[in-house]
């Protein structure tokens, strides 16, 4: 899996496309709103961009997040999360998908509980400084871009981490289990 020279930021949340569009024209920021583009077209535009920050709203883990939420909300058949994980891994291995350096999550307090646990628990638990909550406005995201801090990147064992999401339970992420071991893989 390759990494880009730009800092790639995915804006996620209900009004992400509008917020990303509002960032267009900022100095050193290339804003790419998905709109009618396919994920592959967005990924190609991200790889061609040369700005310091490349901000877009095409989350490469969207299907995994949706399947994780559906699993724990009882809204999907068994096996859906595993299929989404294997599909994401295939895309990451082939460089059709690339994990961003950061996620800016819009208005997480307004999200349904399990969705909020995806962003601020399951995903942030793997790399806490890489998931930033923000209000759903271009100004708030601009401010967040100016305050990005370094920290460990996503787990080096992406396959193990993603496959372990089937055992990563909302409300339990990061809590010690009765055996004293963290329930996260």
N, C-alpha and C. Protein backbone atom coordinates (compact mmCIF):
# COMPACT_ATOMS: atom_id res chain seq x y z
N UNK A 1 0.84 -1.17 0.00
CA UNK A 1 0.00 0.00 0.00
C UNK A 1 0.89 1.24 0.00
N UNK A 2 0.67 2.10 -0.95
CA UNK A 2 1.50 3.30 -1.05
C UNK A 2 0.89 4.46 -0.28
N UNK A 3 1.77 5.38 0.13
CA UNK A 3 1.33 6.60 0.79
C UNK A 3 1.76 7.76 -0.08
N UNK A 4 0.99 8.83 -0.01
CA UNK A 4 1.23 9.99 -0.86
C UNK A 4 2.07 11.04 -0.14
N UNK A 5 2.64 11.98 -0.91
CA UNK A 5 3.42 13.04 -0.30
C UNK A 5 2.51 14.11 0.31
N UNK A 6 1.29 14.23 -0.17
CA UNK A 6 0.32 15.16 0.43
C UNK A 6 -0.26 14.54 1.69
N UNK A 7 -0.75 15.39 2.58
CA UNK A 7 -1.51 14.91 3.73
C UNK A 7 -2.95 14.75 3.27
N UNK A 8 -3.44 13.52 3.30
CA UNK A 8 -4.78 13.22 2.80
C UNK A 8 -5.75 13.16 3.98
N UNK A 9 -6.84 13.92 3.84
CA UNK A 9 -7.84 14.02 4.89
C UNK A 9 -9.20 13.67 4.30
N UNK A 10 -9.88 12.70 4.91
CA UNK A 10 -11.25 12.38 4.53
C UNK A 10 -12.18 13.09 5.50
N UNK A 11 -13.12 13.83 4.96
CA UNK A 11 -14.17 14.46 5.76
C UNK A 11 -15.36 13.53 5.71
N UNK A 12 -15.84 13.10 6.88
CA UNK A 12 -16.92 12.12 6.95
C UNK A 12 -18.07 12.67 7.78
N UNK A 13 -19.25 12.36 7.34
CA UNK A 13 -20.43 12.80 8.07
C UNK A 13 -21.50 13.23 7.10
N UNK A 14 -22.64 13.57 7.66
CA UNK A 14 -23.81 13.83 6.84
C UNK A 14 -23.63 14.93 5.80
N UNK A 15 -22.95 16.00 6.10
CA UNK A 15 -22.81 17.11 5.14
C UNK A 15 -21.38 17.21 4.60
N UNK A 16 -20.70 16.09 4.49
CA UNK A 16 -19.29 16.10 4.09
C UNK A 16 -19.05 16.70 2.71
N UNK A 17 -19.88 16.38 1.73
CA UNK A 17 -19.69 16.92 0.38
C UNK A 17 -19.77 18.43 0.35
N UNK A 18 -20.74 18.98 1.05
CA UNK A 18 -20.90 20.44 1.10
C UNK A 18 -19.71 21.09 1.82
N UNK A 19 -19.27 20.48 2.91
CA UNK A 19 -18.14 21.03 3.66
C UNK A 19 -16.86 20.98 2.82
N UNK A 20 -16.62 19.85 2.15
CA UNK A 20 -15.42 19.73 1.30
C UNK A 20 -15.47 20.79 0.19
N UNK A 21 -16.62 20.96 -0.43
CA UNK A 21 -16.75 21.98 -1.48
C UNK A 21 -16.43 23.37 -0.94
N UNK A 22 -16.77 23.62 0.31
CA UNK A 22 -16.49 24.91 0.94
C UNK A 22 -15.01 25.16 1.20
N UNK A 23 -14.19 24.13 1.09
CA UNK A 23 -12.75 24.28 1.30
C UNK A 23 -12.00 24.64 0.02
N UNK A 24 -12.70 24.54 -1.10
CA UNK A 24 -12.07 24.82 -2.39
C UNK A 24 -11.54 26.25 -2.40
N UNK A 25 -10.33 26.42 -2.83
CA UNK A 25 -9.72 27.74 -2.92
C UNK A 25 -8.83 28.09 -1.74
N UNK A 26 -8.81 27.26 -0.69
CA UNK A 26 -7.90 27.52 0.41
C UNK A 26 -6.46 27.30 -0.04
N UNK A 27 -5.57 28.10 0.48
CA UNK A 27 -4.15 27.98 0.15
C UNK A 27 -3.63 26.60 0.60
N UNK A 28 -2.93 25.92 -0.28
CA UNK A 28 -2.32 24.61 -0.02
C UNK A 28 -3.32 23.49 0.22
N UNK A 29 -4.58 23.69 -0.16
CA UNK A 29 -5.60 22.66 0.01
C UNK A 29 -6.21 22.34 -1.34
N UNK A 30 -6.24 21.07 -1.69
CA UNK A 30 -6.97 20.62 -2.88
C UNK A 30 -8.19 19.89 -2.37
N UNK A 31 -9.37 20.48 -2.58
CA UNK A 31 -10.63 19.91 -2.11
C UNK A 31 -11.27 19.14 -3.26
N UNK A 32 -11.60 17.88 -3.00
CA UNK A 32 -12.20 17.02 -4.02
C UNK A 32 -13.49 16.45 -3.46
N UNK A 33 -14.61 17.06 -3.85
CA UNK A 33 -15.91 16.55 -3.42
C UNK A 33 -16.32 15.42 -4.36
N UNK A 34 -16.78 14.33 -3.77
CA UNK A 34 -17.11 13.16 -4.60
C UNK A 34 -18.22 13.48 -5.59
N UNK A 35 -19.30 14.07 -5.13
CA UNK A 35 -20.41 14.37 -6.04
C UNK A 35 -20.82 13.16 -6.84
N UNK A 36 -20.78 13.28 -8.16
CA UNK A 36 -21.18 12.19 -9.06
C UNK A 36 -20.01 11.28 -9.44
N UNK A 37 -18.83 11.55 -8.93
CA UNK A 37 -17.65 10.74 -9.27
C UNK A 37 -17.70 9.38 -8.58
N UNK A 38 -17.11 8.42 -9.22
CA UNK A 38 -16.98 7.10 -8.60
C UNK A 38 -15.83 7.15 -7.59
N UNK A 39 -15.79 6.22 -6.64
CA UNK A 39 -14.65 6.19 -5.72
C UNK A 39 -13.31 6.08 -6.46
N UNK A 40 -13.27 5.34 -7.55
CA UNK A 40 -12.03 5.21 -8.33
C UNK A 40 -11.61 6.55 -8.92
N UNK A 41 -12.57 7.34 -9.40
CA UNK A 41 -12.25 8.66 -9.96
C UNK A 41 -11.73 9.59 -8.87
N UNK A 42 -12.31 9.52 -7.69
CA UNK A 42 -11.83 10.34 -6.57
C UNK A 42 -10.42 9.91 -6.20
N UNK A 43 -10.21 8.61 -6.09
CA UNK A 43 -8.88 8.11 -5.73
C UNK A 43 -7.83 8.54 -6.75
N UNK A 44 -8.17 8.51 -8.02
CA UNK A 44 -7.24 8.97 -9.06
C UNK A 44 -6.93 10.46 -8.90
N UNK A 45 -7.94 11.27 -8.64
CA UNK A 45 -7.73 12.71 -8.43
C UNK A 45 -6.87 12.96 -7.20
N UNK A 46 -7.07 12.18 -6.15
CA UNK A 46 -6.26 12.31 -4.93
C UNK A 46 -4.81 12.00 -5.24
N UNK A 47 -4.56 10.93 -5.99
CA UNK A 47 -3.19 10.54 -6.31
C UNK A 47 -2.49 11.55 -7.23
N UNK A 48 -3.24 12.27 -8.04
CA UNK A 48 -2.65 13.27 -8.94
C UNK A 48 -2.41 14.61 -8.26
N UNK A 49 -3.09 14.87 -7.16
CA UNK A 49 -3.00 16.17 -6.48
C UNK A 49 -1.61 16.39 -5.89
N UNK A 50 -1.21 17.65 -5.87
CA UNK A 50 0.12 17.98 -5.35
C UNK A 50 0.08 18.99 -4.21
N UNK A 51 -1.08 19.33 -3.71
CA UNK A 51 -1.19 20.31 -2.62
C UNK A 51 -0.69 19.72 -1.31
N UNK A 52 -0.43 20.57 -0.34
CA UNK A 52 -0.02 20.12 0.98
C UNK A 52 -1.09 19.23 1.59
N UNK A 53 -2.36 19.69 1.50
CA UNK A 53 -3.49 18.91 2.00
C UNK A 53 -4.41 18.56 0.85
N UNK A 54 -4.79 17.30 0.78
CA UNK A 54 -5.81 16.85 -0.16
C UNK A 54 -6.98 16.38 0.69
N UNK A 55 -8.11 17.06 0.54
CA UNK A 55 -9.28 16.79 1.37
C UNK A 55 -10.40 16.29 0.46
N UNK A 56 -11.00 15.15 0.85
CA UNK A 56 -12.09 14.61 0.04
C UNK A 56 -13.10 13.92 0.94
N UNK A 57 -14.20 13.48 0.34
CA UNK A 57 -15.27 12.85 1.12
C UNK A 57 -15.60 11.44 0.64
N UNK A 58 -14.65 10.77 0.02
CA UNK A 58 -14.85 9.39 -0.45
C UNK A 58 -14.11 8.44 0.48
N UNK A 59 -14.73 8.10 1.57
CA UNK A 59 -14.12 7.27 2.61
C UNK A 59 -13.82 5.87 2.09
N UNK A 60 -12.55 5.45 2.08
CA UNK A 60 -12.22 4.11 1.59
C UNK A 60 -12.73 3.00 2.50
N UNK A 61 -13.07 3.33 3.74
CA UNK A 61 -13.59 2.32 4.66
C UNK A 61 -15.10 2.48 4.90
N UNK A 62 -15.78 3.20 4.02
CA UNK A 62 -17.22 3.44 4.21
C UNK A 62 -18.01 2.15 4.29
N UNK A 63 -17.75 1.22 3.38
CA UNK A 63 -18.51 -0.04 3.39
C UNK A 63 -18.21 -0.85 4.65
N UNK A 64 -16.97 -0.80 5.13
CA UNK A 64 -16.62 -1.50 6.37
C UNK A 64 -17.35 -0.85 7.54
N UNK A 65 -17.33 0.47 7.61
CA UNK A 65 -18.04 1.16 8.69
C UNK A 65 -19.53 0.89 8.67
N UNK A 66 -20.12 0.94 7.48
CA UNK A 66 -21.56 0.66 7.36
C UNK A 66 -21.88 -0.76 7.81
N UNK A 67 -21.06 -1.72 7.39
CA UNK A 67 -21.29 -3.12 7.75
C UNK A 67 -21.09 -3.35 9.24
N UNK A 68 -20.10 -2.67 9.84
CA UNK A 68 -19.85 -2.79 11.28
C UNK A 68 -21.06 -2.26 12.06
N UNK A 69 -21.55 -1.09 11.66
CA UNK A 69 -22.72 -0.50 12.31
C UNK A 69 -23.93 -1.42 12.15
N UNK A 70 -24.14 -1.90 10.93
CA UNK A 70 -25.29 -2.78 10.67
C UNK A 70 -25.20 -4.07 11.48
N UNK A 71 -24.00 -4.63 11.62
CA UNK A 71 -23.83 -5.86 12.40
C UNK A 71 -24.28 -5.63 13.84
N UNK A 72 -23.78 -4.56 14.45
CA UNK A 72 -24.07 -4.34 15.86
C UNK A 72 -25.44 -3.72 16.11
N UNK A 73 -26.07 -3.19 15.07
CA UNK A 73 -27.45 -2.73 15.19
C UNK A 73 -28.44 -3.82 14.79
N UNK A 74 -27.94 -4.97 14.40
CA UNK A 74 -28.79 -6.08 14.00
C UNK A 74 -29.52 -5.83 12.70
N UNK A 75 -28.95 -5.03 11.82
CA UNK A 75 -29.62 -4.65 10.57
C UNK A 75 -29.04 -5.33 9.34
N UNK A 76 -28.16 -6.29 9.53
CA UNK A 76 -27.53 -6.95 8.38
C UNK A 76 -27.35 -8.43 8.67
N UNK A 77 -27.32 -9.23 7.62
CA UNK A 77 -27.09 -10.67 7.83
C UNK A 77 -25.66 -10.93 8.27
N UNK A 78 -25.47 -12.03 8.94
CA UNK A 78 -24.13 -12.45 9.36
C UNK A 78 -23.25 -12.60 8.12
N UNK A 79 -22.03 -12.15 8.20
CA UNK A 79 -21.09 -12.28 7.10
C UNK A 79 -20.89 -11.01 6.29
N UNK A 80 -21.78 -10.05 6.43
CA UNK A 80 -21.66 -8.81 5.66
C UNK A 80 -20.42 -8.03 6.01
N UNK A 81 -20.07 -7.98 7.30
CA UNK A 81 -18.87 -7.26 7.71
C UNK A 81 -17.62 -7.93 7.15
N UNK A 82 -17.59 -9.25 7.20
CA UNK A 82 -16.43 -9.97 6.68
C UNK A 82 -16.24 -9.72 5.19
N UNK A 83 -17.33 -9.70 4.44
CA UNK A 83 -17.25 -9.42 3.00
C UNK A 83 -16.73 -8.00 2.77
N UNK A 84 -17.24 -7.02 3.52
CA UNK A 84 -16.79 -5.63 3.37
C UNK A 84 -15.30 -5.50 3.70
N UNK A 85 -14.86 -6.20 4.73
CA UNK A 85 -13.44 -6.16 5.13
C UNK A 85 -12.56 -6.75 4.03
N UNK A 86 -12.93 -7.90 3.50
CA UNK A 86 -12.10 -8.53 2.46
C UNK A 86 -12.09 -7.68 1.19
N UNK A 87 -13.20 -7.03 0.87
CA UNK A 87 -13.25 -6.15 -0.29
C UNK A 87 -12.33 -4.95 -0.09
N UNK A 88 -12.38 -4.36 1.11
CA UNK A 88 -11.50 -3.22 1.42
C UNK A 88 -10.03 -3.65 1.37
N UNK A 89 -9.72 -4.80 1.94
CA UNK A 89 -8.33 -5.28 1.90
C UNK A 89 -7.84 -5.48 0.48
N UNK A 90 -8.68 -6.04 -0.37
CA UNK A 90 -8.29 -6.23 -1.78
C UNK A 90 -8.03 -4.87 -2.43
N UNK A 91 -8.86 -3.89 -2.15
CA UNK A 91 -8.66 -2.54 -2.71
C UNK A 91 -7.40 -1.89 -2.18
N UNK A 92 -7.11 -2.08 -0.90
CA UNK A 92 -5.89 -1.51 -0.32
C UNK A 92 -4.64 -2.19 -0.89
N UNK A 93 -4.68 -3.51 -1.01
CA UNK A 93 -3.53 -4.24 -1.57
C UNK A 93 -3.23 -3.84 -3.00
N UNK A 94 -4.27 -3.58 -3.78
CA UNK A 94 -4.09 -3.26 -5.20
C UNK A 94 -3.91 -1.77 -5.45
N UNK A 95 -3.91 -0.96 -4.39
CA UNK A 95 -3.80 0.50 -4.48
C UNK A 95 -4.99 1.16 -5.17
N UNK A 96 -6.12 0.43 -5.27
CA UNK A 96 -7.36 1.08 -5.74
C UNK A 96 -7.92 1.95 -4.63
N UNK A 97 -7.59 1.61 -3.39
CA UNK A 97 -7.99 2.38 -2.21
C UNK A 97 -6.74 2.76 -1.44
N UNK A 98 -6.82 3.88 -0.74
CA UNK A 98 -5.72 4.29 0.13
C UNK A 98 -6.32 4.88 1.40
N UNK A 99 -5.78 4.46 2.53
CA UNK A 99 -6.23 5.04 3.78
C UNK A 99 -5.76 6.49 3.85
N UNK A 100 -6.60 7.37 4.36
CA UNK A 100 -6.16 8.76 4.51
C UNK A 100 -5.22 8.88 5.70
N UNK A 101 -4.55 10.01 5.77
CA UNK A 101 -3.73 10.29 6.95
C UNK A 101 -4.62 10.63 8.14
N UNK A 102 -5.74 11.29 7.86
CA UNK A 102 -6.67 11.71 8.92
C UNK A 102 -8.10 11.58 8.44
N UNK A 103 -9.00 11.41 9.41
CA UNK A 103 -10.43 11.55 9.20
C UNK A 103 -10.88 12.74 10.04
N UNK A 104 -11.65 13.64 9.45
CA UNK A 104 -12.34 14.68 10.20
C UNK A 104 -13.81 14.27 10.18
N UNK A 105 -14.34 13.97 11.36
CA UNK A 105 -15.69 13.45 11.50
C UNK A 105 -16.61 14.59 11.91
N UNK A 106 -17.61 14.86 11.07
CA UNK A 106 -18.50 15.99 11.29
C UNK A 106 -19.62 15.65 12.28
N UNK A 107 -19.77 16.51 13.27
CA UNK A 107 -20.85 16.42 14.26
C UNK A 107 -21.08 15.01 14.80
N UNK A 108 -20.06 14.38 15.37
CA UNK A 108 -20.26 13.01 15.87
C UNK A 108 -21.30 12.92 16.99
N UNK A 109 -21.49 13.98 17.76
CA UNK A 109 -22.48 13.94 18.83
C UNK A 109 -23.90 13.81 18.30
N UNK A 110 -24.11 14.19 17.05
CA UNK A 110 -25.44 14.10 16.45
C UNK A 110 -25.68 12.77 15.73
N UNK A 111 -24.69 11.91 15.72
CA UNK A 111 -24.81 10.62 15.02
C UNK A 111 -25.51 9.59 15.90
N UNK A 112 -26.13 8.60 15.27
CA UNK A 112 -26.64 7.47 16.06
C UNK A 112 -25.49 6.84 16.85
N UNK A 113 -25.81 6.26 17.98
CA UNK A 113 -24.80 5.79 18.93
C UNK A 113 -23.80 4.82 18.30
N UNK A 114 -24.26 3.82 17.57
CA UNK A 114 -23.33 2.83 17.01
C UNK A 114 -22.43 3.47 15.96
N UNK A 115 -22.96 4.38 15.15
CA UNK A 115 -22.14 5.09 14.16
C UNK A 115 -21.06 5.91 14.87
N UNK A 116 -21.43 6.58 15.93
CA UNK A 116 -20.44 7.36 16.70
C UNK A 116 -19.36 6.43 17.26
N UNK A 117 -19.77 5.23 17.72
CA UNK A 117 -18.78 4.27 18.23
C UNK A 117 -17.85 3.78 17.11
N UNK A 118 -18.35 3.70 15.89
CA UNK A 118 -17.47 3.35 14.78
C UNK A 118 -16.35 4.37 14.66
N UNK A 119 -16.75 5.65 14.59
CA UNK A 119 -15.75 6.70 14.37
C UNK A 119 -14.84 6.92 15.56
N UNK A 120 -15.42 7.10 16.73
CA UNK A 120 -14.65 7.52 17.90
C UNK A 120 -14.20 6.36 18.77
N UNK A 121 -14.61 5.14 18.42
CA UNK A 121 -14.19 3.96 19.16
C UNK A 121 -13.38 3.02 18.29
N UNK A 122 -14.05 2.32 17.40
CA UNK A 122 -13.37 1.31 16.58
C UNK A 122 -12.27 1.91 15.71
N UNK A 123 -12.58 2.99 15.01
CA UNK A 123 -11.58 3.59 14.12
C UNK A 123 -10.54 4.39 14.90
N UNK A 124 -10.98 5.26 15.79
CA UNK A 124 -10.04 6.08 16.57
C UNK A 124 -9.20 5.22 17.51
N UNK A 125 -9.74 4.09 17.94
CA UNK A 125 -8.97 3.22 18.83
C UNK A 125 -7.71 2.67 18.19
N UNK A 126 -7.70 2.60 16.87
CA UNK A 126 -6.52 2.07 16.18
C UNK A 126 -5.44 3.13 15.97
N UNK A 127 -5.83 4.38 15.92
CA UNK A 127 -4.88 5.49 15.73
C UNK A 127 -5.56 6.78 16.23
N UNK A 128 -5.53 7.01 17.53
CA UNK A 128 -6.32 8.09 18.14
C UNK A 128 -6.10 9.48 17.55
N UNK A 129 -4.90 9.83 17.18
CA UNK A 129 -4.66 11.18 16.68
C UNK A 129 -5.09 11.34 15.22
N UNK A 130 -5.56 10.27 14.60
CA UNK A 130 -5.92 10.30 13.18
C UNK A 130 -7.41 10.51 12.94
N UNK A 131 -8.22 10.57 14.00
CA UNK A 131 -9.66 10.78 13.87
C UNK A 131 -10.01 12.02 14.69
N UNK A 132 -10.44 13.09 13.99
CA UNK A 132 -10.67 14.38 14.62
C UNK A 132 -12.15 14.76 14.49
N UNK A 133 -12.84 14.97 15.61
CA UNK A 133 -14.23 15.45 15.51
C UNK A 133 -14.24 16.95 15.21
N UNK A 134 -15.25 17.40 14.47
CA UNK A 134 -15.38 18.82 14.14
C UNK A 134 -16.84 19.13 13.84
N UNK A 135 -17.20 20.40 13.98
CA UNK A 135 -18.53 20.83 13.56
C UNK A 135 -18.62 20.72 12.05
N UNK A 136 -19.82 20.63 11.54
CA UNK A 136 -20.04 20.47 10.10
C UNK A 136 -20.03 21.82 9.40
N UNK A 137 -18.85 22.42 9.30
CA UNK A 137 -18.69 23.68 8.57
C UNK A 137 -17.29 23.73 7.98
N UNK A 138 -17.16 24.45 6.89
CA UNK A 138 -15.84 24.59 6.27
C UNK A 138 -14.88 25.30 7.23
N UNK A 139 -15.37 26.27 7.99
CA UNK A 139 -14.51 26.99 8.94
C UNK A 139 -13.98 26.05 10.02
N UNK A 140 -14.83 25.17 10.55
CA UNK A 140 -14.39 24.23 11.58
C UNK A 140 -13.37 23.23 11.03
N UNK A 141 -13.59 22.78 9.80
CA UNK A 141 -12.64 21.84 9.20
C UNK A 141 -11.33 22.55 8.87
N UNK A 142 -11.40 23.78 8.42
CA UNK A 142 -10.18 24.56 8.18
C UNK A 142 -9.39 24.68 9.47
N UNK A 143 -10.07 24.96 10.56
CA UNK A 143 -9.41 25.04 11.87
C UNK A 143 -8.79 23.70 12.25
N UNK A 144 -9.52 22.62 12.01
CA UNK A 144 -9.00 21.28 12.32
C UNK A 144 -7.74 20.97 11.50
N UNK A 145 -7.72 21.38 10.23
CA UNK A 145 -6.53 21.15 9.40
C UNK A 145 -5.32 21.84 10.00
N UNK A 146 -5.53 23.01 10.55
CA UNK A 146 -4.42 23.76 11.15
C UNK A 146 -3.94 23.19 12.46
N UNK A 147 -4.71 22.28 13.05
CA UNK A 147 -4.34 21.71 14.35
C UNK A 147 -4.02 20.22 14.28
N UNK A 148 -3.85 19.66 13.08
CA UNK A 148 -3.55 18.23 12.98
C UNK A 148 -2.24 17.93 13.70
N UNK A 149 -2.26 16.89 14.51
CA UNK A 149 -1.05 16.52 15.24
C UNK A 149 -0.53 15.20 14.71
N UNK A 150 0.75 15.02 14.86
CA UNK A 150 1.32 13.76 14.41
C UNK A 150 1.02 12.68 15.45
N UNK A 151 1.17 11.50 15.05
CA UNK A 151 0.93 10.35 15.91
C UNK A 151 1.10 9.11 15.07
N UNK A 152 0.96 7.97 15.72
CA UNK A 152 1.15 6.76 14.94
C UNK A 152 0.11 6.69 13.83
N UNK A 153 0.55 6.13 12.74
CA UNK A 153 -0.33 5.97 11.59
C UNK A 153 -1.22 4.78 11.86
N UNK A 154 -1.98 4.34 10.91
CA UNK A 154 -2.85 3.19 11.08
C UNK A 154 -2.01 1.97 11.42
N UNK A 155 -2.59 0.95 12.00
CA UNK A 155 -1.81 -0.23 12.38
C UNK A 155 -1.02 -0.80 11.19
N UNK A 156 0.19 -1.25 11.47
CA UNK A 156 1.02 -1.81 10.40
C UNK A 156 0.43 -3.13 9.90
N UNK A 157 -0.27 -3.84 10.77
CA UNK A 157 -0.94 -5.07 10.37
C UNK A 157 -2.39 -4.74 10.02
N UNK A 158 -2.59 -4.13 8.85
CA UNK A 158 -3.94 -3.72 8.44
C UNK A 158 -4.89 -4.91 8.33
N UNK A 159 -4.38 -6.01 7.83
CA UNK A 159 -5.24 -7.20 7.69
C UNK A 159 -5.73 -7.67 9.05
N UNK A 160 -4.84 -7.79 9.99
CA UNK A 160 -5.23 -8.22 11.34
C UNK A 160 -6.18 -7.24 12.00
N UNK A 161 -5.88 -5.95 11.85
CA UNK A 161 -6.72 -4.93 12.45
C UNK A 161 -8.13 -4.95 11.85
N UNK A 162 -8.21 -4.93 10.52
CA UNK A 162 -9.53 -4.92 9.88
C UNK A 162 -10.31 -6.20 10.18
N UNK A 163 -9.65 -7.33 10.09
CA UNK A 163 -10.35 -8.59 10.38
C UNK A 163 -10.78 -8.68 11.85
N UNK A 164 -10.04 -8.02 12.72
CA UNK A 164 -10.39 -7.99 14.14
C UNK A 164 -11.60 -7.13 14.45
N UNK A 165 -12.05 -6.34 13.50
CA UNK A 165 -13.23 -5.49 13.73
C UNK A 165 -14.48 -6.30 14.01
N UNK A 166 -14.50 -7.56 13.58
CA UNK A 166 -15.67 -8.41 13.86
C UNK A 166 -15.80 -8.68 15.36
N UNK A 167 -14.71 -8.49 16.10
CA UNK A 167 -14.72 -8.71 17.55
C UNK A 167 -14.63 -7.39 18.32
N UNK A 168 -14.68 -6.28 17.62
CA UNK A 168 -14.60 -4.96 18.25
C UNK A 168 -16.02 -4.47 18.48
N UNK A 169 -16.44 -4.50 19.74
CA UNK A 169 -17.83 -4.27 20.11
C UNK A 169 -18.04 -2.82 20.56
N UNK A 170 -19.12 -2.17 20.09
CA UNK A 170 -19.43 -0.82 20.58
C UNK A 170 -19.51 -0.83 22.12
N UNK A 171 -19.16 0.26 22.72
CA UNK A 171 -19.16 0.43 24.18
C UNK A 171 -18.07 -0.37 24.88
N UNK A 172 -17.33 -1.20 24.16
CA UNK A 172 -16.27 -2.01 24.77
C UNK A 172 -14.90 -1.68 24.19
N UNK A 173 -14.85 -0.87 23.16
CA UNK A 173 -13.57 -0.57 22.52
C UNK A 173 -12.64 0.10 23.52
N UNK A 174 -11.47 -0.50 23.68
CA UNK A 174 -10.46 0.07 24.57
C UNK A 174 -10.63 -0.27 26.03
N UNK A 175 -11.72 -0.95 26.41
CA UNK A 175 -11.92 -1.34 27.80
C UNK A 175 -11.27 -2.68 28.06
N UNK A 176 -10.70 -2.86 29.24
CA UNK A 176 -10.11 -4.17 29.54
C UNK A 176 -11.21 -5.22 29.68
N UNK A 177 -10.92 -6.41 29.22
CA UNK A 177 -11.87 -7.52 29.36
C UNK A 177 -11.69 -8.13 30.74
N UNK A 178 -12.53 -9.07 31.09
CA UNK A 178 -12.43 -9.71 32.40
C UNK A 178 -11.11 -10.47 32.56
N UNK A 179 -10.49 -10.82 31.45
CA UNK A 179 -9.20 -11.53 31.51
C UNK A 179 -8.04 -10.55 31.66
N UNK A 180 -8.37 -9.23 31.63
CA UNK A 180 -7.31 -8.24 31.73
C UNK A 180 -6.75 -7.86 30.38
N UNK A 181 -7.21 -8.53 29.33
CA UNK A 181 -6.72 -8.22 27.99
C UNK A 181 -7.68 -7.28 27.30
N UNK A 182 -7.15 -6.41 26.49
CA UNK A 182 -7.98 -5.49 25.71
C UNK A 182 -8.75 -6.31 24.69
N UNK A 183 -10.09 -6.11 24.57
CA UNK A 183 -10.86 -6.90 23.62
C UNK A 183 -10.54 -6.57 22.17
N UNK A 184 -9.88 -5.46 21.92
CA UNK A 184 -9.47 -5.14 20.56
C UNK A 184 -8.34 -6.06 20.15
N UNK A 185 -8.26 -6.41 18.87
CA UNK A 185 -7.15 -7.25 18.41
C UNK A 185 -5.86 -6.47 18.46
